[in-house]
Amino acid sequence: MKIIEWVKHNKFLTVVLLVVSYFLLNLVNIFFGADTLSLDAPSMTKQNEGVGLSPLAGAPVSGIGRIGVPDIYPPTDYSPQPDVKDRLVVQESNLSLLVEDVTDIRNKIVSYAQQKGGYMVSSNVSNPQDAPTATVVVRVPSKDLEEALDYFHSLSVKVVSENLVGQDVTDQYVDIDTRIAQLERTKARLETILDQATQITEITNLTQQILNYQNQIDALKGQQDALEKNAQLAKLTIYLSTDEIALPYQPSETFRPGVIFKLAVRSLVGTLRGMATLGIWVGVYAVIWLPALILFVLLRRWLKKRKSQPKL
């Protein structure tokens, strides 16, 4: 009740305090990246709750000391083809390597892939001044995959984690081949009917259907070609860093004092930087809150003087 009474007798001061509080909340929001005026924050927490994300396109990290890898192709029920001898297997490998020189090792990896008849898919380096990290994605012939992995191991100080997955896509390839054959037979029948057609509307309709079937055939052949090329060239994603903590993996040891100490130091440095940044923001916004504060103090003194004056 006292607060309500004070607000009634000090309406102007209440408005000033609300304005200053609003700007301070905005400063906290901008600095810490948290919306203090919003009630939707828990939804973001629930969205990521219990799921560790690896850098592999949002793939969930599974297991300890391993990098989660998304399915190369979504699981679909295809007719098994046990009689096929030369099977198509799409292979992917993911490595986390602790190295001494990130840029040099990245260049060696790309050069090796090119020498083997492969190529670089992507490469980027981040934080080069502190603890440099790099992500290199290359493709090498599948027949040289084991040799490539051994070579990449030799470039590192330590292989922090490794994951190799393979998916047999033979059934999918054969199923697509069957669908292509069916579409081609249907297209051939339509072409035979088209040769005997005489009316313009019938010719137009048949031509449109033939073109539609041809588009489906071309799309399926494109899928087959992609399966063949992916099976011929294995994909390797290599994470490089001079700091083991910066690599995308979950440590197999539950308690590591050295790592905990590094994380604590980084957290302290981050907190100090944050406080300095907040101080700069407060100083810049002083053009708003400082005049309001001065006005508040002057008004408060004036009110005290007015109350202390004797009534006539």
Protein backbone atom coordinates (compact mmCIF):
# COMPACT_ATOMS: atom_id res chain seq x y z
CA MET A 1 0.00 0.00 0.00
CA LYS A 2 2.91 2.34 0.74
CA ILE A 3 4.22 1.82 -2.80
CA ILE A 4 0.83 2.68 -4.28
CA GLU A 5 0.62 5.82 -2.14
CA TRP A 6 4.13 6.85 -3.17
CA VAL A 7 3.27 6.36 -6.85
CA LYS A 8 0.16 8.51 -6.46
CA HIS A 9 2.16 11.35 -4.93
CA ASN A 10 5.18 10.99 -7.25
CA LYS A 11 3.75 10.29 -10.68
CA PHE A 12 6.51 12.10 -12.57
CA LEU A 13 9.28 10.23 -10.72
CA THR A 14 7.49 6.96 -11.42
CA VAL A 15 7.47 7.68 -15.15
CA VAL A 16 11.19 8.57 -15.05
CA LEU A 17 12.02 5.32 -13.24
CA LEU A 18 10.00 3.27 -15.71
CA VAL A 19 11.79 4.90 -18.67
CA VAL A 20 15.22 4.27 -17.13
CA SER A 21 14.27 0.66 -16.30
CA TYR A 22 13.09 0.10 -19.87
CA PHE A 23 16.39 1.26 -21.34
CA LEU A 24 18.39 -0.81 -18.85
CA LEU A 25 16.40 -3.92 -19.78
CA ASN A 26 17.09 -3.20 -23.43
CA LEU A 27 20.80 -2.98 -22.66
CA VAL A 28 20.70 -6.36 -20.93
CA ASN A 29 18.72 -7.81 -23.85
CA ILE A 30 21.20 -6.51 -26.45
CA PHE A 31 24.26 -7.50 -24.47
CA PHE A 32 23.32 -10.95 -23.21
CA GLY A 33 21.22 -11.93 -26.23
CA ALA A 34 18.24 -12.86 -24.07
CA ASP A 35 14.83 -11.34 -24.49
CA THR A 36 14.04 -10.28 -20.92
CA LEU A 37 10.70 -8.83 -21.96
CA SER A 38 9.45 -11.97 -23.69
CA LEU A 39 7.75 -15.03 -22.26
CA ASP A 40 8.65 -17.30 -25.17
CA ALA A 41 12.15 -18.25 -23.98
CA PRO A 42 11.18 -21.69 -22.56
CA SER A 43 10.05 -22.83 -25.99
CA MET A 44 13.60 -22.47 -27.33
CA THR A 45 14.93 -24.47 -24.41
CA LYS A 46 12.48 -27.26 -25.04
CA GLN A 47 13.34 -27.30 -28.70
CA ASN A 48 16.99 -28.15 -28.00
CA GLU A 49 16.48 -30.05 -24.76
CA GLY A 50 18.42 -33.26 -24.50
CA VAL A 51 19.82 -33.11 -28.01
CA GLY A 52 23.46 -32.38 -28.76
CA LEU A 53 23.97 -31.05 -32.24
CA SER A 54 27.05 -31.73 -34.28
CA PRO A 55 28.18 -29.45 -37.10
CA LEU A 56 26.97 -31.96 -39.62
CA ALA A 57 23.88 -30.11 -40.78
CA GLY A 58 22.22 -30.36 -37.41
CA ALA A 59 22.76 -34.09 -37.03
CA PRO A 60 22.33 -35.29 -33.43
CA VAL A 61 25.46 -36.45 -31.68
CA SER A 62 25.13 -40.09 -30.78
CA GLY A 63 27.32 -42.00 -28.38
CA ILE A 64 30.47 -40.84 -26.61
CA GLY A 65 33.57 -39.85 -28.52
CA ARG A 66 31.79 -40.15 -31.85
CA ILE A 67 30.33 -37.65 -34.28
CA GLY A 68 26.71 -38.23 -35.21
CA VAL A 69 26.19 -38.66 -38.95
CA PRO A 70 22.86 -38.19 -40.68
CA ASP A 71 21.54 -40.88 -42.95
CA ILE A 72 23.04 -40.47 -46.41
CA TYR A 73 19.69 -41.43 -47.89
CA PRO A 74 16.44 -41.65 -45.96
CA PRO A 75 15.47 -45.23 -45.11
CA THR A 76 12.93 -46.58 -47.57
CA ASP A 77 11.65 -50.09 -48.12
CA TYR A 78 13.09 -51.44 -51.35
CA SER A 79 12.95 -54.97 -52.68
CA PRO A 80 16.11 -56.83 -51.60
CA GLN A 81 18.45 -57.84 -54.41
CA PRO A 82 20.66 -60.64 -53.05
CA ASP A 83 21.83 -61.78 -56.49
CA VAL A 84 23.65 -58.54 -57.34
CA LYS A 85 27.42 -59.02 -56.99
CA ASP A 86 28.77 -55.52 -57.61
CA ARG A 87 26.92 -53.66 -54.91
CA LEU A 88 26.80 -49.89 -54.57
CA VAL A 89 27.90 -48.64 -51.15
CA VAL A 90 27.97 -44.93 -50.31
CA GLN A 91 30.63 -44.17 -47.70
CA GLU A 92 31.17 -41.18 -45.44
CA SER A 93 33.85 -40.59 -42.84
CA ASN A 94 34.19 -37.92 -40.18
CA LEU A 95 37.41 -37.15 -38.33
CA SER A 96 38.32 -34.82 -35.50
CA LEU A 97 42.07 -34.21 -35.54
CA LEU A 98 44.26 -32.33 -33.09
CA VAL A 99 47.02 -30.72 -35.16
CA GLU A 100 49.90 -28.26 -34.73
CA ASP A 101 49.22 -26.09 -37.80
CA VAL A 102 45.61 -25.92 -38.98
CA THR A 103 46.22 -24.09 -42.27
CA ASP A 104 49.12 -26.31 -43.32
CA ILE A 105 47.22 -29.54 -42.59
CA ARG A 106 44.15 -28.26 -44.40
CA ASN A 107 46.24 -27.54 -47.50
CA LYS A 108 47.82 -31.00 -47.35
CA ILE A 109 44.40 -32.67 -47.11
CA VAL A 110 43.05 -30.78 -50.12
CA SER A 111 46.22 -31.48 -52.14
CA TYR A 112 46.04 -35.20 -51.31
CA ALA A 113 42.41 -35.45 -52.39
CA GLN A 114 43.20 -33.79 -55.72
CA GLN A 115 46.18 -36.08 -56.31
CA LYS A 116 43.94 -39.11 -55.83
CA GLY A 117 41.44 -37.87 -58.40
CA GLY A 118 39.05 -36.34 -55.90
CA TYR A 119 38.25 -32.74 -55.06
CA MET A 120 37.50 -30.31 -52.26
CA VAL A 121 33.81 -29.79 -51.47
CA SER A 122 34.24 -27.01 -48.92
CA SER A 123 36.80 -25.54 -46.55
CA ASN A 124 36.73 -22.84 -43.90
CA VAL A 125 38.97 -21.62 -41.09
CA SER A 126 37.68 -19.76 -38.04
CA ASN A 127 39.22 -18.00 -35.04
CA PRO A 128 42.75 -17.96 -36.54
CA GLN A 129 44.20 -15.65 -33.86
CA ASP A 130 43.16 -17.59 -30.75
CA ALA A 131 42.68 -21.33 -31.23
CA PRO A 132 42.30 -21.84 -34.99
CA THR A 133 39.82 -24.43 -36.18
CA ALA A 134 38.98 -25.63 -39.67
CA THR A 135 36.39 -27.82 -41.33
CA VAL A 136 37.43 -29.47 -44.58
CA VAL A 137 35.12 -31.59 -46.71
CA VAL A 138 36.73 -33.59 -49.52
CA ARG A 139 35.82 -36.48 -51.80
CA VAL A 140 38.25 -39.23 -52.68
CA PRO A 141 37.76 -42.43 -54.71
CA SER A 142 36.13 -45.07 -52.53
CA LYS A 143 38.88 -47.56 -53.36
CA ASP A 144 41.42 -45.20 -51.76
CA LEU A 145 39.38 -44.44 -48.63
CA GLU A 146 41.42 -46.54 -46.20
CA GLU A 147 44.68 -45.16 -47.57
CA ALA A 148 43.34 -41.61 -47.25
CA LEU A 149 42.27 -42.18 -43.65
CA ASP A 150 45.73 -43.53 -42.75
CA TYR A 151 47.36 -40.50 -44.34
CA PHE A 152 45.11 -38.05 -42.51
CA HIS A 153 45.86 -39.86 -39.24
CA SER A 154 49.58 -39.36 -39.84
CA LEU A 155 49.09 -35.59 -40.17
CA SER A 156 47.62 -35.24 -36.68
CA VAL A 157 49.03 -35.07 -33.21
CA LYS A 158 46.02 -37.02 -31.98
CA VAL A 159 42.92 -38.54 -33.54
CA VAL A 160 40.28 -37.25 -31.16
CA SER A 161 37.35 -39.04 -32.77
CA GLU A 162 36.55 -40.96 -35.93
CA ASN A 163 33.37 -42.20 -37.50
CA LEU A 164 32.92 -44.21 -40.69
CA VAL A 165 29.52 -45.09 -42.10
CA GLY A 166 28.48 -46.91 -45.23
CA GLN A 167 25.08 -47.41 -46.77
CA ASP A 168 24.25 -50.02 -49.39
CA VAL A 169 22.08 -48.37 -52.05
CA THR A 170 22.01 -51.31 -54.45
CA ASP A 171 18.36 -52.13 -53.74
CA GLN A 172 17.40 -48.51 -54.34
CA TYR A 173 19.36 -48.42 -57.60
CA VAL A 174 17.73 -51.61 -58.91
CA ASP A 175 14.28 -50.40 -57.85
CA ILE A 176 14.81 -47.18 -59.80
CA ASP A 177 15.95 -49.20 -62.79
CA THR A 178 12.71 -51.21 -62.65
CA ARG A 179 10.62 -48.05 -62.49
CA ILE A 180 12.47 -46.60 -65.47
CA ALA A 181 11.75 -49.74 -67.50
CA GLN A 182 8.03 -49.53 -66.65
CA LEU A 183 7.85 -45.87 -67.60
CA GLU A 184 9.67 -46.50 -70.87
CA ARG A 185 7.22 -49.29 -71.80
CA THR A 186 4.26 -47.02 -71.07
CA LYS A 187 5.86 -44.23 -73.07
CA ALA A 188 6.45 -46.57 -76.01
CA ARG A 189 2.76 -47.60 -76.03
CA LEU A 190 1.69 -43.96 -76.00
CA GLU A 191 4.01 -43.22 -78.91
CA THR A 192 2.42 -46.07 -80.87
CA ILE A 193 -1.05 -44.65 -80.20
CA LEU A 194 0.21 -41.18 -81.14
CA ASP A 195 1.31 -42.44 -84.56
CA GLN A 196 -2.27 -43.54 -85.24
CA ALA A 197 -3.99 -40.45 -83.81
CA THR A 198 -5.73 -38.05 -86.22
CA GLN A 199 -7.53 -35.49 -84.04
CA ILE A 200 -5.64 -32.42 -82.80
CA THR A 201 -6.90 -32.69 -79.22
CA GLU A 202 -5.91 -36.35 -79.05
CA ILE A 203 -2.46 -35.62 -80.46
CA THR A 204 -1.96 -32.77 -77.99
CA ASN A 205 -3.06 -34.88 -75.02
CA LEU A 206 -0.83 -37.82 -75.98
CA THR A 207 2.15 -35.56 -76.59
CA GLN A 208 1.73 -34.01 -73.14
CA GLN A 209 1.58 -37.44 -71.50
CA ILE A 210 4.68 -38.59 -73.36
CA LEU A 211 6.59 -35.51 -72.23
CA ASN A 212 5.45 -36.12 -68.66
CA TYR A 213 6.70 -39.71 -68.74
CA GLN A 214 9.99 -38.59 -70.26
CA ASN A 215 10.49 -36.07 -67.46
CA GLN A 216 9.94 -38.81 -64.90
CA ILE A 217 12.42 -41.05 -66.68
CA ASP A 218 15.05 -38.29 -66.79
CA ALA A 219 14.58 -37.57 -63.07
CA LEU A 220 15.01 -41.23 -62.14
CA LYS A 221 18.08 -41.54 -64.33
CA GLY A 222 19.49 -38.50 -62.54
CA GLN A 223 18.95 -40.27 -59.21
CA GLN A 224 20.74 -43.34 -60.51
CA ASP A 225 23.64 -41.23 -61.73
CA ALA A 226 23.91 -39.55 -58.33
CA LEU A 227 23.96 -42.92 -56.57
CA GLU A 228 26.72 -44.18 -58.85
CA LYS A 229 28.89 -41.10 -58.36
CA ASN A 230 28.38 -41.04 -54.60
CA ALA A 231 29.39 -44.68 -54.45
CA GLN A 232 32.51 -43.97 -56.52
CA LEU A 233 33.64 -41.01 -54.40
CA ALA A 234 33.63 -41.28 -50.62
CA LYS A 235 32.95 -38.12 -48.63
CA LEU A 236 35.29 -37.17 -45.80
CA THR A 237 34.62 -34.39 -43.31
CA ILE A 238 37.70 -33.45 -41.30
CA TYR A 239 37.62 -31.14 -38.28
CA LEU A 240 40.99 -29.59 -37.41
CA SER A 241 42.06 -27.59 -34.38
CA THR A 242 45.05 -26.81 -32.21
CA ASP A 243 42.78 -27.05 -29.16
CA GLU A 244 41.09 -30.35 -28.37
CA ILE A 245 38.16 -28.60 -26.69
CA ALA A 246 37.25 -26.83 -29.94
CA LEU A 247 36.68 -30.11 -31.80
CA PRO A 248 33.11 -31.45 -32.19
CA TYR A 249 33.12 -34.52 -29.99
CA GLN A 250 32.03 -35.67 -26.56
CA PRO A 251 34.94 -36.73 -24.32
CA SER A 252 35.03 -40.34 -23.19
CA GLU A 253 36.36 -39.29 -19.76
CA THR A 254 33.75 -37.84 -17.46
CA PHE A 255 36.23 -35.89 -15.31
CA ARG A 256 39.22 -34.13 -16.84
CA PRO A 257 40.71 -31.41 -14.59
CA GLY A 258 42.84 -29.90 -17.37
CA VAL A 259 39.86 -29.41 -19.66
CA ILE A 260 37.72 -28.08 -16.82
CA PHE A 261 40.44 -25.54 -15.94
CA LYS A 262 40.62 -24.32 -19.56
CA LEU A 263 36.86 -23.99 -19.73
CA ALA A 264 36.82 -22.06 -16.43
CA VAL A 265 39.52 -19.65 -17.67
CA ARG A 266 37.62 -19.10 -20.92
CA SER A 267 34.45 -18.46 -18.98
CA LEU A 268 36.24 -15.93 -16.75
CA VAL A 269 37.71 -14.11 -19.76
CA GLY A 270 34.29 -14.09 -21.41
CA THR A 271 32.69 -12.67 -18.25
CA LEU A 272 35.30 -9.90 -18.00
CA ARG A 273 34.82 -9.03 -21.66
CA GLY A 274 31.10 -9.01 -21.11
CA MET A 275 31.35 -6.65 -18.16
CA ALA A 276 33.60 -4.31 -20.15
CA THR A 277 31.19 -4.39 -23.08
CA LEU A 278 28.25 -3.70 -20.78
CA GLY A 279 30.13 -0.76 -19.30
CA ILE A 280 30.64 0.69 -22.78
CA TRP A 281 26.95 0.31 -23.59
CA VAL A 282 25.96 1.99 -20.32
CA GLY A 283 28.38 4.83 -21.06
CA VAL A 284 26.97 5.35 -24.54
CA TYR A 285 23.39 5.32 -23.27
CA ALA A 286 24.37 7.88 -20.60
CA VAL A 287 23.00 10.57 -22.90
CA ILE A 288 19.57 9.14 -22.01
CA TRP A 289 19.73 7.90 -18.45
CA LEU A 290 22.13 10.51 -17.02
CA PRO A 291 19.87 13.55 -17.72
CA ALA A 292 16.94 11.56 -16.36
CA LEU A 293 18.92 10.77 -13.20
CA ILE A 294 19.99 14.40 -12.75
CA LEU A 295 16.40 15.53 -13.21
CA PHE A 296 15.27 12.96 -10.66
CA VAL A 297 17.79 14.18 -8.07
CA LEU A 298 16.95 17.85 -8.63
CA LEU A 299 13.24 17.18 -8.45
CA ARG A 300 13.66 15.21 -5.26
CA ARG A 301 15.62 18.05 -3.64
CA TRP A 302 12.99 20.54 -4.74
CA LEU A 303 10.26 18.44 -3.18
CA LYS A 304 12.18 18.22 0.10
CA LYS A 305 12.69 21.97 0.17
CA ARG A 306 9.03 22.53 -0.53
CA LYS A 307 7.99 20.27 2.33
CA SER A 308 10.44 21.90 4.71
CA GLN A 309 9.11 25.41 4.06
CA PRO A 310 6.70 26.62 6.80
CA LYS A 311 3.12 26.95 5.78
CA LEU A 312 1.59 30.42 5.87
